[in-house]
Amino acid sequence: MALINYKGTLPDGKVFDQQQQAALPLAGVVPGFTKALVQMQRGGKYKVLIPSELGYGAQQAGPIPPNTDLTFEIELLDFRSRAEIEQQQRMTRFG
């Protein structure tokens, strides 16, 4: 799993999603996002353009219209196992 801070925007600059310390399974995101994450280094900050064919393609995805290119600003905090991330989240909540 990747532990990241990110902000996703549409071509007009409208933010459609943003999270801090998000724990994302590499297989649980659009192909372009996974492709970018595996090339990143811990601690790095990246701006990634994902063409629609590696994003949601022709389908509507919430506020994202069909055939829309996406831009993500991503800070890769770490790669961790699900158990490590869950333990950290418990410690943050109760610590």
PDB file of N, CA and C in Angstrom:
ATOM      1  N   MET A   1       0.839  -1.177   0.000  1.00  0.00           N
ATOM      2  CA  MET A   1       0.000   0.000   0.000  1.00  0.00           C
ATOM      3  C   MET A   1       0.888   1.245   0.000  1.00  0.00           C
ATOM      4  N   ALA A   2       0.361   2.278  -0.598  1.00  0.00           N
ATOM      5  CA  ALA A   2       1.071   3.551  -0.621  1.00  0.00           C
ATOM      6  C   ALA A   2       0.402   4.503   0.364  1.00  0.00           C
ATOM      7  N   LEU A   3       1.207   5.177   1.157  1.00  0.00           N
ATOM      8  CA  LEU A   3       0.721   6.200   2.070  1.00  0.00           C
ATOM      9  C   LEU A   3       1.082   7.533   1.433  1.00  0.00           C
ATOM     10  N   ILE A   4       0.057   8.307   1.065  1.00  0.00           N
ATOM     11  CA  ILE A   4       0.291   9.519   0.279  1.00  0.00           C
ATOM     12  C   ILE A   4      -0.575  10.686   0.739  1.00  0.00           C
ATOM     13  N   ASN A   5      -0.136  11.880   0.366  1.00  0.00           N
ATOM     14  CA  ASN A   5      -0.957  13.083   0.359  1.00  0.00           C
ATOM     15  C   ASN A   5      -1.216  13.361  -1.116  1.00  0.00           C
ATOM     16  N   TYR A   6      -2.458  13.700  -1.462  1.00  0.00           N
ATOM     17  CA  TYR A   6      -2.710  13.975  -2.878  1.00  0.00           C
ATOM     18  C   TYR A   6      -3.866  14.944  -3.076  1.00  0.00           C
ATOM     19  N   LYS A   7      -3.856  15.538  -4.265  1.00  0.00           N
ATOM     20  CA  LYS A   7      -4.954  16.390  -4.717  1.00  0.00           C
ATOM     21  C   LYS A   7      -5.167  16.087  -6.187  1.00  0.00           C
ATOM     22  N   GLY A   8      -6.403  15.763  -6.553  1.00  0.00           N
ATOM     23  CA  GLY A   8      -6.749  15.485  -7.940  1.00  0.00           C
ATOM     24  C   GLY A   8      -7.570  16.613  -8.515  1.00  0.00           C
ATOM     25  N   THR A   9      -7.187  17.078  -9.725  1.00  0.00           N
ATOM     26  CA  THR A   9      -7.917  18.171 -10.359  1.00  0.00           C
ATOM     27  C   THR A   9      -8.326  17.811 -11.783  1.00  0.00           C
ATOM     28  N   LEU A  10      -9.400  18.458 -12.214  1.00  0.00           N
ATOM     29  CA  LEU A  10      -9.879  18.341 -13.589  1.00  0.00           C
ATOM     30  C   LEU A  10      -9.110  19.336 -14.455  1.00  0.00           C
ATOM     31  N   PRO A  11      -9.238  19.242 -15.781  1.00  0.00           N
ATOM     32  CA  PRO A  11      -8.506  20.178 -16.657  1.00  0.00           C
ATOM     33  C   PRO A  11      -8.791  21.651 -16.370  1.00  0.00           C
ATOM     34  N   ASP A  12      -9.982  21.970 -15.833  1.00  0.00           N
ATOM     35  CA  ASP A  12     -10.296  23.376 -15.524  1.00  0.00           C
ATOM     36  C   ASP A  12      -9.757  23.816 -14.160  1.00  0.00           C
ATOM     37  N   GLY A  13      -9.030  22.898 -13.469  1.00  0.00           N
ATOM     38  CA  GLY A  13      -8.439  23.230 -12.181  1.00  0.00           C
ATOM     39  C   GLY A  13      -9.320  22.906 -10.982  1.00  0.00           C
ATOM     40  N   LYS A  14     -10.554  22.453 -11.214  1.00  0.00           N
ATOM     41  CA  LYS A  14     -11.471  22.115 -10.124  1.00  0.00           C
ATOM     42  C   LYS A  14     -10.975  20.859  -9.402  1.00  0.00           C
ATOM     43  N   VAL A  15     -10.873  20.943  -8.071  1.00  0.00           N
ATOM     44  CA  VAL A  15     -10.441  19.801  -7.257  1.00  0.00           C
ATOM     45  C   VAL A  15     -11.600  18.821  -7.135  1.00  0.00           C
ATOM     46  N   PHE A  16     -11.365  17.546  -7.504  1.00  0.00           N
ATOM     47  CA  PHE A  16     -12.413  16.540  -7.375  1.00  0.00           C
ATOM     48  C   PHE A  16     -12.143  15.582  -6.220  1.00  0.00           C
ATOM     49  N   ASP A  17     -10.910  15.557  -5.715  1.00  0.00           N
ATOM     50  CA  ASP A  17     -10.576  14.693  -4.585  1.00  0.00           C
ATOM     51  C   ASP A  17      -9.275  15.179  -3.967  1.00  0.00           C
ATOM     52  N   GLN A  18      -9.197  15.093  -2.626  1.00  0.00           N
ATOM     53  CA  GLN A  18      -7.994  15.526  -1.928  1.00  0.00           C
ATOM     54  C   GLN A  18      -7.960  14.826  -0.582  1.00  0.00           C
ATOM     55  N   GLN A  19      -6.812  14.260  -0.228  1.00  0.00           N
ATOM     56  CA  GLN A  19      -6.673  13.585   1.066  1.00  0.00           C
ATOM     57  C   GLN A  19      -5.258  13.730   1.586  1.00  0.00           C
ATOM     58  N   GLN A  20      -5.137  13.676   2.892  1.00  0.00           N
ATOM     59  CA  GLN A  20      -3.845  13.671   3.577  1.00  0.00           C
ATOM     60  C   GLN A  20      -3.662  12.302   4.223  1.00  0.00           C
ATOM     61  N   GLN A  21      -2.474  11.762   4.143  1.00  0.00           N
ATOM     62  CA  GLN A  21      -2.123  10.463   4.705  1.00  0.00           C
ATOM     63  C   GLN A  21      -3.125   9.382   4.300  1.00  0.00           C
ATOM     64  N   ALA A  22      -3.441   9.350   3.033  1.00  0.00           N
ATOM     65  CA  ALA A  22      -4.347   8.341   2.487  1.00  0.00           C
ATOM     66  C   ALA A  22      -3.568   7.051   2.255  1.00  0.00           C
ATOM     67  N   ALA A  23      -4.152   5.947   2.663  1.00  0.00           N
ATOM     68  CA  ALA A  23      -3.551   4.633   2.443  1.00  0.00           C
ATOM     69  C   ALA A  23      -4.264   3.991   1.259  1.00  0.00           C
ATOM     70  N   LEU A  24      -3.560   3.878   0.141  1.00  0.00           N
ATOM     71  CA  LEU A  24      -4.175   3.356  -1.073  1.00  0.00           C
ATOM     72  C   LEU A  24      -3.512   2.064  -1.514  1.00  0.00           C
ATOM     73  N   PRO A  25      -4.323   1.021  -1.759  1.00  0.00           N
ATOM     74  CA  PRO A  25      -3.753  -0.194  -2.345  1.00  0.00           C
ATOM     75  C   PRO A  25      -3.396   0.088  -3.795  1.00  0.00           C
ATOM     76  N   LEU A  26      -2.255  -0.368  -4.240  1.00  0.00           N
ATOM     77  CA  LEU A  26      -1.829  -0.080  -5.610  1.00  0.00           C
ATOM     78  C   LEU A  26      -2.804  -0.635  -6.638  1.00  0.00           C
ATOM     79  N   ALA A  27      -3.491  -1.718  -6.297  1.00  0.00           N
ATOM     80  CA  ALA A  27      -4.447  -2.311  -7.228  1.00  0.00           C
ATOM     81  C   ALA A  27      -5.820  -1.652  -7.133  1.00  0.00           C
ATOM     82  N   GLY A  28      -6.007  -0.703  -6.220  1.00  0.00           N
ATOM     83  CA  GLY A  28      -7.320  -0.122  -6.008  1.00  0.00           C
ATOM     84  C   GLY A  28      -7.539   1.238  -6.639  1.00  0.00           C
ATOM     85  N   VAL A  29      -6.643   1.656  -7.512  1.00  0.00           N
ATOM     86  CA  VAL A  29      -6.759   2.967  -8.143  1.00  0.00           C
ATOM     87  C   VAL A  29      -6.700   2.809  -9.663  1.00  0.00           C
ATOM     88  N   VAL A  30      -6.961   3.892 -10.400  1.00  0.00           N
ATOM     89  CA  VAL A  30      -6.930   3.811 -11.859  1.00  0.00           C
ATOM     90  C   VAL A  30      -5.519   3.447 -12.336  1.00  0.00           C
ATOM     91  N   PRO A  31      -5.413   2.793 -13.488  1.00  0.00           N
ATOM     92  CA  PRO A  31      -4.109   2.317 -13.969  1.00  0.00           C
ATOM     93  C   PRO A  31      -3.024   3.393 -14.039  1.00  0.00           C
ATOM     94  N   GLY A  32      -3.355   4.583 -14.469  1.00  0.00           N
ATOM     95  CA  GLY A  32      -2.359   5.643 -14.573  1.00  0.00           C
ATOM     96  C   GLY A  32      -1.793   6.054 -13.222  1.00  0.00           C
ATOM     97  N   PHE A  33      -2.631   5.993 -12.186  1.00  0.00           N
ATOM     98  CA  PHE A  33      -2.191   6.342 -10.838  1.00  0.00           C
ATOM     99  C   PHE A  33      -1.205   5.296 -10.332  1.00  0.00           C
ATOM    100  N   THR A  34      -1.537   4.017 -10.525  1.00  0.00           N
ATOM    101  CA  THR A  34      -0.643   2.926 -10.122  1.00  0.00           C
ATOM    102  C   THR A  34       0.680   3.019 -10.866  1.00  0.00           C
ATOM    103  N   LYS A  35       0.608   3.263 -12.172  1.00  0.00           N
ATOM    104  CA  LYS A  35       1.812   3.355 -12.995  1.00  0.00           C
ATOM    105  C   LYS A  35       2.737   4.454 -12.485  1.00  0.00           C
ATOM    106  N   ALA A  36       2.167   5.581 -12.071  1.00  0.00           N
ATOM    107  CA  ALA A  36       2.966   6.685 -11.543  1.00  0.00           C
ATOM    108  C   ALA A  36       3.548   6.351 -10.168  1.00  0.00           C
ATOM    109  N   LEU A  37       2.721   5.776  -9.285  1.00  0.00           N
ATOM    110  CA  LEU A  37       3.177   5.485  -7.923  1.00  0.00           C
ATOM    111  C   LEU A  37       4.386   4.566  -7.879  1.00  0.00           C
ATOM    112  N   VAL A  38       4.378   3.536  -8.699  1.00  0.00           N
ATOM    113  CA  VAL A  38       5.483   2.570  -8.632  1.00  0.00           C
ATOM    114  C   VAL A  38       6.807   3.163  -9.112  1.00  0.00           C
ATOM    115  N   GLN A  39       6.775   4.312  -9.762  1.00  0.00           N
ATOM    116  CA  GLN A  39       8.001   4.964 -10.221  1.00  0.00           C
ATOM    117  C   GLN A  39       8.500   6.035  -9.247  1.00  0.00           C
ATOM    118  N   MET A  40       7.732   6.280  -8.192  1.00  0.00           N
ATOM    119  CA  MET A  40       8.067   7.349  -7.252  1.00  0.00           C
ATOM    120  C   MET A  40       8.979   6.858  -6.145  1.00  0.00           C
ATOM    121  N   GLN A  41       9.642   7.822  -5.511  1.00  0.00           N
ATOM    122  CA  GLN A  41      10.501   7.537  -4.361  1.00  0.00           C
ATOM    123  C   GLN A  41       9.882   8.148  -3.111  1.00  0.00           C
ATOM    124  N   ARG A  42      10.079   7.484  -1.981  1.00  0.00           N
ATOM    125  CA  ARG A  42       9.582   7.999  -0.700  1.00  0.00           C
ATOM    126  C   ARG A  42      10.044   9.439  -0.498  1.00  0.00           C
ATOM    127  N   GLY A  43       9.125  10.259  -0.023  1.00  0.00           N
ATOM    128  CA  GLY A  43       9.457  11.651   0.257  1.00  0.00           C
ATOM    129  C   GLY A  43       9.352  12.560  -0.947  1.00  0.00           C
ATOM    130  N   GLY A  44       9.148  11.985  -2.127  1.00  0.00           N
ATOM    131  CA  GLY A  44       9.064  12.790  -3.339  1.00  0.00           C
ATOM    132  C   GLY A  44       7.707  13.436  -3.521  1.00  0.00           C
ATOM    133  N   LYS A  45       7.708  14.577  -4.197  1.00  0.00           N
ATOM    134  CA  LYS A  45       6.472  15.278  -4.550  1.00  0.00           C
ATOM    135  C   LYS A  45       6.411  15.331  -6.071  1.00  0.00           C
ATOM    136  N   TYR A  46       5.263  14.950  -6.615  1.00  0.00           N
ATOM    137  CA  TYR A  46       5.125  14.806  -8.054  1.00  0.00           C
ATOM    138  C   TYR A  46       3.835  15.433  -8.538  1.00  0.00           C
ATOM    139  N   LYS A  47       3.867  15.895  -9.779  1.00  0.00           N
ATOM    140  CA  LYS A  47       2.656  16.328 -10.477  1.00  0.00           C
ATOM    141  C   LYS A  47       2.503  15.370 -11.650  1.00  0.00           C
ATOM    142  N   VAL A  48       1.371  14.668 -11.700  1.00  0.00           N
ATOM    143  CA  VAL A  48       1.166  13.595 -12.666  1.00  0.00           C
ATOM    144  C   VAL A  48      -0.065  13.882 -13.512  1.00  0.00           C
ATOM    145  N   LEU A  49       0.092  13.852 -14.825  1.00  0.00           N
ATOM    146  CA  LEU A  49      -1.035  13.977 -15.756  1.00  0.00           C
ATOM    147  C   LEU A  49      -1.422  12.570 -16.193  1.00  0.00           C
ATOM    148  N   ILE A  50      -2.668  12.213 -15.948  1.00  0.00           N
ATOM    149  CA  ILE A  50      -3.166  10.893 -16.326  1.00  0.00           C
ATOM    150  C   ILE A  50      -4.157  11.064 -17.468  1.00  0.00           C
ATOM    151  N   PRO A  51      -3.819  10.565 -18.664  1.00  0.00           N
ATOM    152  CA  PRO A  51      -4.755  10.658 -19.785  1.00  0.00           C
ATOM    153  C   PRO A  51      -6.000   9.825 -19.500  1.00  0.00           C
ATOM    154  N   SER A  52      -7.116  10.214 -20.068  1.00  0.00           N
ATOM    155  CA  SER A  52      -8.395   9.564 -19.755  1.00  0.00           C
ATOM    156  C   SER A  52      -8.360   8.055 -19.955  1.00  0.00           C
ATOM    157  N   GLU A  53      -7.609   7.571 -20.961  1.00  0.00           N
ATOM    158  CA  GLU A  53      -7.580   6.123 -21.207  1.00  0.00           C
ATOM    159  C   GLU A  53      -6.881   5.355 -20.087  1.00  0.00           C
ATOM    160  N   LEU A  54      -6.061   6.033 -19.266  1.00  0.00           N
ATOM    161  CA  LEU A  54      -5.446   5.401 -18.097  1.00  0.00           C
ATOM    162  C   LEU A  54      -6.130   5.836 -16.806  1.00  0.00           C
ATOM    163  N   GLY A  55      -7.230   6.588 -16.969  1.00  0.00           N
ATOM    164  CA  GLY A  55      -8.035   7.026 -15.825  1.00  0.00           C
ATOM    165  C   GLY A  55      -9.362   6.287 -15.826  1.00  0.00           C
ATOM    166  N   TYR A  56     -10.445   7.039 -15.995  1.00  0.00           N
ATOM    167  CA  TYR A  56     -11.772   6.427 -15.976  1.00  0.00           C
ATOM    168  C   TYR A  56     -12.347   6.208 -17.372  1.00  0.00           C
ATOM    169  N   GLY A  57     -11.607   6.614 -18.405  1.00  0.00           N
ATOM    170  CA  GLY A  57     -12.042   6.363 -19.780  1.00  0.00           C
ATOM    171  C   GLY A  57     -13.387   6.995 -20.089  1.00  0.00           C
ATOM    172  N   ALA A  58     -14.236   6.231 -20.763  1.00  0.00           N
ATOM    173  CA  ALA A  58     -15.521   6.740 -21.235  1.00  0.00           C
ATOM    174  C   ALA A  58     -16.606   6.735 -20.158  1.00  0.00           C
ATOM    175  N   GLN A  59     -16.291   6.226 -18.965  1.00  0.00           N
ATOM    176  CA  GLN A  59     -17.326   6.181 -17.927  1.00  0.00           C
ATOM    177  C   GLN A  59     -17.310   7.421 -17.045  1.00  0.00           C
ATOM    178  N   GLN A  60     -18.477   7.803 -16.566  1.00  0.00           N
ATOM    179  CA  GLN A  60     -18.623   8.880 -15.590  1.00  0.00           C
ATOM    180  C   GLN A  60     -18.177   8.335 -14.244  1.00  0.00           C
ATOM    181  N   ALA A  61     -17.383   9.083 -13.488  1.00  0.00           N
ATOM    182  CA  ALA A  61     -16.929   8.649 -12.168  1.00  0.00           C
ATOM    183  C   ALA A  61     -17.171   9.783 -11.177  1.00  0.00           C
ATOM    184  N   GLY A  62     -18.357   9.806 -10.589  1.00  0.00           N
ATOM    185  CA  GLY A  62     -18.704  10.885  -9.662  1.00  0.00           C
ATOM    186  C   GLY A  62     -18.653  12.219 -10.378  1.00  0.00           C
ATOM    187  N   PRO A  63     -17.842  13.178  -9.884  1.00  0.00           N
ATOM    188  CA  PRO A  63     -17.769  14.495 -10.517  1.00  0.00           C
ATOM    189  C   PRO A  63     -16.877  14.533 -11.764  1.00  0.00           C
ATOM    190  N   ILE A  64     -16.296  13.376 -12.128  1.00  0.00           N
ATOM    191  CA  ILE A  64     -15.378  13.338 -13.271  1.00  0.00           C
ATOM    192  C   ILE A  64     -16.153  12.959 -14.531  1.00  0.00           C
ATOM    193  N   PRO A  65     -16.238  13.862 -15.516  1.00  0.00           N
ATOM    194  CA  PRO A  65     -16.941  13.550 -16.758  1.00  0.00           C
ATOM    195  C   PRO A  65     -16.214  12.468 -17.561  1.00  0.00           C
ATOM    196  N   PRO A  66     -16.927  11.795 -18.460  1.00  0.00           N
ATOM    197  CA  PRO A  66     -16.283  10.800 -19.324  1.00  0.00           C
ATOM    198  C   PRO A  66     -15.149  11.424 -20.142  1.00  0.00           C
ATOM    199  N   ASN A  67     -14.158  10.617 -20.463  1.00  0.00           N
ATOM    200  CA  ASN A  67     -13.033  11.009 -21.321  1.00  0.00           C
ATOM    201  C   ASN A  67     -12.298  12.260 -20.834  1.00  0.00           C
ATOM    202  N   THR A  68     -12.045  12.320 -19.538  1.00  0.00           N
ATOM    203  CA  THR A  68     -11.389  13.486 -18.944  1.00  0.00           C
ATOM    204  C   THR A  68      -9.979  13.128 -18.473  1.00  0.00           C
ATOM    205  N   ASP A  69      -9.002  13.928 -18.883  1.00  0.00           N
ATOM    206  CA  ASP A  69      -7.643  13.793 -18.373  1.00  0.00           C
ATOM    207  C   ASP A  69      -7.630  14.320 -16.939  1.00  0.00           C
ATOM    208  N   LEU A  70      -6.826  13.724 -16.081  1.00  0.00           N
ATOM    209  CA  LEU A  70      -6.758  14.102 -14.675  1.00  0.00           C
ATOM    210  C   LEU A  70      -5.345  14.515 -14.310  1.00  0.00           C
ATOM    211  N   THR A  71      -5.235  15.461 -13.388  1.00  0.00           N
ATOM    212  CA  THR A  71      -3.936  15.871 -12.869  1.00  0.00           C
ATOM    213  C   THR A  71      -3.926  15.615 -11.373  1.00  0.00           C
ATOM    214  N   PHE A  72      -2.854  14.996 -10.898  1.00  0.00           N
ATOM    215  CA  PHE A  72      -2.699  14.733  -9.473  1.00  0.00           C
ATOM    216  C   PHE A  72      -1.397  15.338  -8.980  1.00  0.00           C
ATOM    217  N   GLU A  73      -1.463  15.996  -7.839  1.00  0.00           N
ATOM    218  CA  GLU A  73      -0.273  16.393  -7.098  1.00  0.00           C
ATOM    219  C   GLU A  73      -0.146  15.361  -5.990  1.00  0.00           C
ATOM    220  N   ILE A  74       0.967  14.640  -5.972  1.00  0.00           N
ATOM    221  CA  ILE A  74       1.132  13.512  -5.065  1.00  0.00           C
ATOM    222  C   ILE A  74       2.425  13.658  -4.276  1.00  0.00           C
ATOM    223  N   GLU A  75       2.329  13.438  -2.992  1.00  0.00           N
ATOM    224  CA  GLU A  75       3.513  13.332  -2.140  1.00  0.00           C
ATOM    225  C   GLU A  75       3.517  11.912  -1.598  1.00  0.00           C
ATOM    226  N   LEU A  76       4.525  11.142  -1.961  1.00  0.00           N
ATOM    227  CA  LEU A  76       4.632   9.757  -1.498  1.00  0.00           C
ATOM    228  C   LEU A  76       5.316   9.744  -0.137  1.00  0.00           C
ATOM    229  N   LEU A  77       4.548   9.416   0.887  1.00  0.00           N
ATOM    230  CA  LEU A  77       5.083   9.373   2.236  1.00  0.00           C
ATOM    231  C   LEU A  77       5.822   8.070   2.498  1.00  0.00           C
ATOM    232  N   ASP A  78       5.226   6.943   2.042  1.00  0.00           N
ATOM    233  CA  ASP A  78       5.847   5.650   2.298  1.00  0.00           C
ATOM    234  C   ASP A  78       5.091   4.547   1.564  1.00  0.00           C
ATOM    235  N   PHE A  79       5.733   3.414   1.409  1.00  0.00           N
ATOM    236  CA  PHE A  79       5.086   2.175   1.003  1.00  0.00           C
ATOM    237  C   PHE A  79       5.064   1.312   2.253  1.00  0.00           C
ATOM    238  N   ARG A  80       3.899   0.803   2.626  1.00  0.00           N
ATOM    239  CA  ARG A  80       3.773  -0.013   3.829  1.00  0.00           C
ATOM    240  C   ARG A  80       2.762  -1.124   3.616  1.00  0.00           C
ATOM    241  N   SER A  81       2.811  -2.082   4.519  1.00  0.00           N
ATOM    242  CA  SER A  81       1.802  -3.131   4.491  1.00  0.00           C
ATOM    243  C   SER A  81       0.509  -2.581   5.089  1.00  0.00           C
ATOM    244  N   ARG A  82      -0.606  -3.228   4.790  1.00  0.00           N
ATOM    245  CA  ARG A  82      -1.898  -2.806   5.350  1.00  0.00           C
ATOM    246  C   ARG A  82      -1.844  -2.823   6.885  1.00  0.00           C
ATOM    247  N   ALA A  83      -1.229  -3.843   7.470  1.00  0.00           N
ATOM    248  CA  ALA A  83      -1.145  -3.954   8.928  1.00  0.00           C
ATOM    249  C   ALA A  83      -0.376  -2.775   9.528  1.00  0.00           C
ATOM    250  N   GLU A  84       0.725  -2.374   8.897  1.00  0.00           N
ATOM    251  CA  GLU A  84       1.511  -1.243   9.405  1.00  0.00           C
ATOM    252  C   GLU A  84       0.702   0.049   9.364  1.00  0.00           C
ATOM    253  N   ILE A  85      -0.039   0.253   8.281  1.00  0.00           N
ATOM    254  CA  ILE A  85      -0.836   1.472   8.145  1.00  0.00           C
ATOM    255  C   ILE A  85      -1.972   1.480   9.159  1.00  0.00           C
ATOM    256  N   GLU A  86      -2.645   0.339   9.341  1.00  0.00           N
ATOM    257  CA  GLU A  86      -3.731   0.273  10.317  1.00  0.00           C
ATOM    258  C   GLU A  86      -3.209   0.531  11.728  1.00  0.00           C
ATOM    259  N   GLN A  87      -2.038   0.001  12.056  1.00  0.00           N
ATOM    260  CA  GLN A  87      -1.458   0.238  13.372  1.00  0.00           C
ATOM    261  C   GLN A  87      -1.141   1.722  13.561  1.00  0.00           C
ATOM    262  N   GLN A  88      -0.573   2.360  12.539  1.00  0.00           N
ATOM    263  CA  GLN A  88      -0.254   3.787  12.630  1.00  0.00           C
ATOM    264  C   GLN A  88      -1.523   4.609  12.803  1.00  0.00           C
ATOM    265  N   GLN A  89      -2.600   4.260  12.076  1.00  0.00           N
ATOM    266  CA  GLN A  89      -3.848   5.002  12.184  1.00  0.00           C
ATOM    267  C   GLN A  89      -4.454   4.855  13.586  1.00  0.00           C
ATOM    268  N   ARG A  90      -4.369   3.660  14.163  1.00  0.00           N
ATOM    269  CA  ARG A  90      -4.870   3.452  15.538  1.00  0.00           C
ATOM    270  C   ARG A  90      -4.074   4.304  16.524  1.00  0.00           C
ATOM    271  N   MET A  91      -2.755   4.331  16.371  1.00  0.00           N
ATOM    272  CA  MET A  91      -1.906   5.106  17.273  1.00  0.00           C
ATOM    273  C   MET A  91      -2.196   6.599  17.134  1.00  0.00           C
ATOM    274  N   THR A  92      -2.453   7.056  15.914  1.00  0.00           N
ATOM    275  CA  THR A  92      -2.757   8.472  15.681  1.00  0.00           C
ATOM    276  C   THR A  92      -4.087   8.850  16.333  1.00  0.00           C
ATOM    277  N   ARG A  93      -5.084   7.983  16.211  1.00  0.00           N
ATOM    278  CA  ARG A  93      -6.401   8.252  16.785  1.00  0.00           C
ATOM    279  C   ARG A  93      -6.383   8.272  18.298  1.00  0.00           C
ATOM    280  N   PHE A  94      -5.651   7.343  18.894  1.00  0.00           N
ATOM    281  CA  PHE A  94      -5.704   7.192  20.353  1.00  0.00           C
ATOM    282  C   PHE A  94      -4.467   7.734  21.054  1.00  0.00           C
ATOM    283  N   GLY A  95      -3.482   8.168  20.290  1.00  0.00           N
ATOM    284  CA  GLY A  95      -2.228   8.631  20.895  1.00  0.00           C
ATOM    285  C   GLY A  95      -2.352  10.012  21.369  1.00  0.00           C
TER     286      GLY A  95
END
